[in-house]
C-alpha atoms as a PDB file:
ATOM      1  CA  UNK A   1       8.744   7.098 -15.906  1.00  0.00           C
ATOM      2  CA  UNK A   2       9.119   4.820 -12.888  1.00  0.00           C
ATOM      3  CA  UNK A   3       8.354   5.721  -9.287  1.00  0.00           C
ATOM      4  CA  UNK A   4       9.836   4.364  -6.202  1.00  0.00           C
ATOM      5  CA  UNK A   5       7.414   1.716  -4.141  1.00  0.00           C
ATOM      6  CA  UNK A   6       5.561   3.172  -1.352  1.00  0.00           C
ATOM      7  CA  UNK A   7       8.199   1.432   1.059  1.00  0.00           C
ATOM      8  CA  UNK A   8      10.979   2.944  -1.181  1.00  0.00           C
ATOM      9  CA  UNK A   9      12.432  -0.635  -1.848  1.00  0.00           C
ATOM     10  CA  UNK A  10      12.359  -0.834  -5.483  1.00  0.00           C
ATOM     11  CA  UNK A  11      11.320   1.027  -8.744  1.00  0.00           C
ATOM     12  CA  UNK A  12       7.815   0.488 -10.055  1.00  0.00           C
ATOM     13  CA  UNK A  13       5.137   1.804 -12.575  1.00  0.00           C
ATOM     14  CA  UNK A  14       2.284   3.730 -10.890  1.00  0.00           C
ATOM     15  CA  UNK A  15      -0.388   1.401 -10.095  1.00  0.00           C
ATOM     16  CA  UNK A  16      -3.268   0.929  -7.531  1.00  0.00           C
ATOM     17  CA  UNK A  17      -6.689  -0.580  -6.927  1.00  0.00           C
ATOM     18  CA  UNK A  18      -9.203   0.000  -9.800  1.00  0.00           C
ATOM     19  CA  UNK A  19     -12.031   2.080  -8.441  1.00  0.00           C
ATOM     20  CA  UNK A  20     -15.324   0.469  -9.386  1.00  0.00           C
ATOM     21  CA  UNK A  21     -16.798   3.674 -10.757  1.00  0.00           C
ATOM     22  CA  UNK A  22     -13.984   4.308 -12.848  1.00  0.00           C
ATOM     23  CA  UNK A  23     -12.879   2.757 -16.240  1.00  0.00           C
ATOM     24  CA  UNK A  24      -9.481   0.720 -16.141  1.00  0.00           C
ATOM     25  CA  UNK A  25      -7.962   3.752 -18.028  1.00  0.00           C
ATOM     26  CA  UNK A  26      -9.381   6.440 -15.861  1.00  0.00           C
ATOM     27  CA  UNK A  27      -8.209   4.424 -12.786  1.00  0.00           C
ATOM     28  CA  UNK A  28      -4.894   4.051 -14.618  1.00  0.00           C
ATOM     29  CA  UNK A  29      -4.763   8.137 -14.958  1.00  0.00           C
ATOM     30  CA  UNK A  30      -5.755   8.802 -11.315  1.00  0.00           C
ATOM     31  CA  UNK A  31      -2.805   6.427 -10.122  1.00  0.00           C
ATOM     32  CA  UNK A  32      -0.264   8.362 -12.703  1.00  0.00           C
ATOM     33  CA  UNK A  33      -1.327  11.713 -11.152  1.00  0.00           C
ATOM     34  CA  UNK A  34      -1.060  10.391  -7.436  1.00  0.00           C
ATOM     35  CA  UNK A  35       1.819   8.235  -7.555  1.00  0.00           C
ATOM     36  CA  UNK A  36       3.986   9.844 -10.451  1.00  0.00           C
ATOM     37  CA  UNK A  37       2.552  13.303 -10.403  1.00  0.00           C
ATOM     38  CA  UNK A  38       1.733  13.271 -14.219  1.00  0.00           C
ATOM     39  CA  UNK A  39      -1.360  13.910 -16.292  1.00  0.00           C
ATOM     40  CA  UNK A  40      -2.149  12.739 -19.734  1.00  0.00           C
ATOM     41  CA  UNK A  41      -3.873  10.549 -22.111  1.00  0.00           C
ATOM     42  CA  UNK A  42      -4.193   6.781 -21.386  1.00  0.00           C
ATOM     43  CA  UNK A  43      -4.309   4.527 -24.295  1.00  0.00           C
ATOM     44  CA  UNK A  44      -7.389   2.315 -24.656  1.00  0.00           C
ATOM     45  CA  UNK A  45      -5.603  -0.890 -24.879  1.00  0.00           C
ATOM     46  CA  UNK A  46      -3.219  -2.221 -22.278  1.00  0.00           C
ATOM     47  CA  UNK A  47       0.354  -3.599 -22.774  1.00  0.00           C
ATOM     48  CA  UNK A  48      -0.519  -6.514 -20.622  1.00  0.00           C
ATOM     49  CA  UNK A  49      -0.924  -7.753 -16.852  1.00  0.00           C
ATOM     50  CA  UNK A  50       1.016  -9.084 -14.195  1.00  0.00           C
ATOM     51  CA  UNK A  51       0.366 -10.561 -10.743  1.00  0.00           C
ATOM     52  CA  UNK A  52       1.857  -9.985  -7.561  1.00  0.00           C
ATOM     53  CA  UNK A  53       1.141 -10.515  -3.908  1.00  0.00           C
ATOM     54  CA  UNK A  54       0.131  -7.829  -1.490  1.00  0.00           C
ATOM     55  CA  UNK A  55      -2.110  -7.813   1.645  1.00  0.00           C
ATOM     56  CA  UNK A  56      -1.991 -11.550   1.677  1.00  0.00           C
ATOM     57  CA  UNK A  57      -3.610 -12.054  -1.548  1.00  0.00           C
ATOM     58  CA  UNK A  58      -2.874 -11.989  -5.328  1.00  0.00           C
ATOM     59  CA  UNK A  59      -3.327  -8.558  -7.024  1.00  0.00           C
ATOM     60  CA  UNK A  60      -3.478  -8.494 -11.044  1.00  0.00           C
ATOM     61  CA  UNK A  61      -2.011  -5.167 -12.492  1.00  0.00           C
ATOM     62  CA  UNK A  62      -3.337  -4.002 -15.754  1.00  0.00           C
ATOM     63  CA  UNK A  63      -0.673  -1.860 -17.370  1.00  0.00           C
ATOM     64  CA  UNK A  64      -1.523   1.192 -19.725  1.00  0.00           C
ATOM     65  CA  UNK A  65       0.653   3.371 -21.738  1.00  0.00           C
ATOM     66  CA  UNK A  66      -0.002   7.039 -21.175  1.00  0.00           C
ATOM     67  CA  UNK A  67       1.167   9.950 -23.218  1.00  0.00           C
ATOM     68  CA  UNK A  68       2.235  12.316 -20.459  1.00  0.00           C
ATOM     69  CA  UNK A  69       0.847  16.015 -21.288  1.00  0.00           C
ATOM     70  CA  UNK A  70       1.932  17.623 -17.886  1.00  0.00           C
ATOM     71  CA  UNK A  71       4.379  16.796 -15.019  1.00  0.00           C
ATOM     72  CA  UNK A  72       3.304  18.401 -11.863  1.00  0.00           C
ATOM     73  CA  UNK A  73       6.334  20.401 -10.060  1.00  0.00           C
ATOM     74  CA  UNK A  74       8.009  18.725  -7.488  1.00  0.00           C
ATOM     75  CA  UNK A  75       6.722  21.194  -4.749  1.00  0.00           C
ATOM     76  CA  UNK A  76       3.215  20.665  -5.749  1.00  0.00           C
ATOM     77  CA  UNK A  77       3.325  16.600  -6.022  1.00  0.00           C
ATOM     78  CA  UNK A  78       1.774  15.038  -2.925  1.00  0.00           C
ATOM     79  CA  UNK A  79       3.949  11.984  -3.167  1.00  0.00           C
ATOM     80  CA  UNK A  80       7.040  13.560  -3.976  1.00  0.00           C
ATOM     81  CA  UNK A  81       8.698  11.391  -1.182  1.00  0.00           C
ATOM     82  CA  UNK A  82       8.379   8.481  -3.696  1.00  0.00           C
ATOM     83  CA  UNK A  83      10.877  10.012  -6.150  1.00  0.00           C
ATOM     84  CA  UNK A  84      10.345   9.686  -9.799  1.00  0.00           C
ATOM     85  CA  UNK A  85      12.623   9.326 -12.977  1.00  0.00           C
ATOM     86  CA  UNK A  86      12.237   9.455 -16.611  1.00  0.00           C
ATOM     87  CA  UNK A  87      14.405   6.475 -18.209  1.00  0.00           C
ATOM     88  CA  UNK A  88      15.201   5.012 -21.607  1.00  0.00           C
ATOM     89  CA  UNK A  89      13.527   1.696 -21.914  1.00  0.00           C
ATOM     90  CA  UNK A  90      16.707  -0.207 -21.502  1.00  0.00           C
ATOM     91  CA  UNK A  91      17.385   1.489 -18.131  1.00  0.00           C
ATOM     92  CA  UNK A  92      13.857   0.928 -17.002  1.00  0.00           C
ATOM     93  CA  UNK A  93      14.202  -2.801 -17.717  1.00  0.00           C
ATOM     94  CA  UNK A  94      17.470  -2.853 -15.775  1.00  0.00           C
ATOM     95  CA  UNK A  95      15.871  -1.084 -12.879  1.00  0.00           C
ATOM     96  CA  UNK A  96      12.402  -2.674 -12.336  1.00  0.00           C
ATOM     97  CA  UNK A  97      12.310  -5.804 -10.116  1.00  0.00           C
ATOM     98  CA  UNK A  98       8.823  -7.246 -12.078  1.00  0.00           C
ATOM     99  CA  UNK A  99      10.322  -9.410 -14.634  1.00  0.00           C
ATOM    100  CA  UNK A 100       6.817  -9.589 -16.431  1.00  0.00           C
ATOM    101  CA  UNK A 101       6.880  -5.813 -16.875  1.00  0.00           C
ATOM    102  CA  UNK A 102      10.095  -6.178 -18.844  1.00  0.00           C
ATOM    103  CA  UNK A 103       8.372  -7.177 -22.125  1.00  0.00           C
ATOM    104  CA  UNK A 104       5.755  -4.545 -21.608  1.00  0.00           C
ATOM    105  CA  UNK A 105       8.210  -1.766 -21.483  1.00  0.00           C
ATOM    106  CA  UNK A 106       9.999  -3.306 -24.700  1.00  0.00           C
ATOM    107  CA  UNK A 107       6.513  -3.311 -26.450  1.00  0.00           C
ATOM    108  CA  UNK A 108       5.884   0.463 -25.423  1.00  0.00           C
ATOM    109  CA  UNK A 109       9.314   1.199 -26.816  1.00  0.00           C
ATOM    110  CA  UNK A 110       8.445  -0.359 -30.196  1.00  0.00           C
ATOM    111  CA  UNK A 111       5.050   1.405 -30.192  1.00  0.00           C
ATOM    112  CA  UNK A 112       6.742   4.719 -29.610  1.00  0.00           C
ATOM    113  CA  UNK A 113       9.319   4.221 -32.254  1.00  0.00           C
ATOM    114  CA  UNK A 114       6.780   2.975 -34.841  1.00  0.00           C
ATOM    115  CA  UNK A 115       4.804   6.385 -33.978  1.00  0.00           C
ATOM    116  CA  UNK A 116       7.954   8.555 -34.357  1.00  0.00           C
ATOM    117  CA  UNK A 117       8.721   6.927 -37.620  1.00  0.00           C
ATOM    118  CA  UNK A 118       5.292   7.661 -39.162  1.00  0.00           C
ATOM    119  CA  UNK A 119       5.870  11.661 -38.354  1.00  0.00           C
END
């Protein structure tokens, strides 16, 4: 799932500042709920990280996969002005701006396929 950036300029994965009292995974779950309106189980291992400029400094984003268990209805989702969209890995790769995210999306797609083939 991708969401529109806060300024509606491009599509991104949910992300935000890691709260010092939360684990990285709990912070990822919090941001997914706030920015994408989804709840679920965040994996213990990240897919990787990337850096970008914001507020005049460099921010590092650690990307965690989440198995979504619940999608908050549109009318209950606080940040619905952002927009959200489920996409195939190929479509997500086409749409995102951050080149560093593209291999992480491919990695996630392979993980999902591997998990499906074990069932």
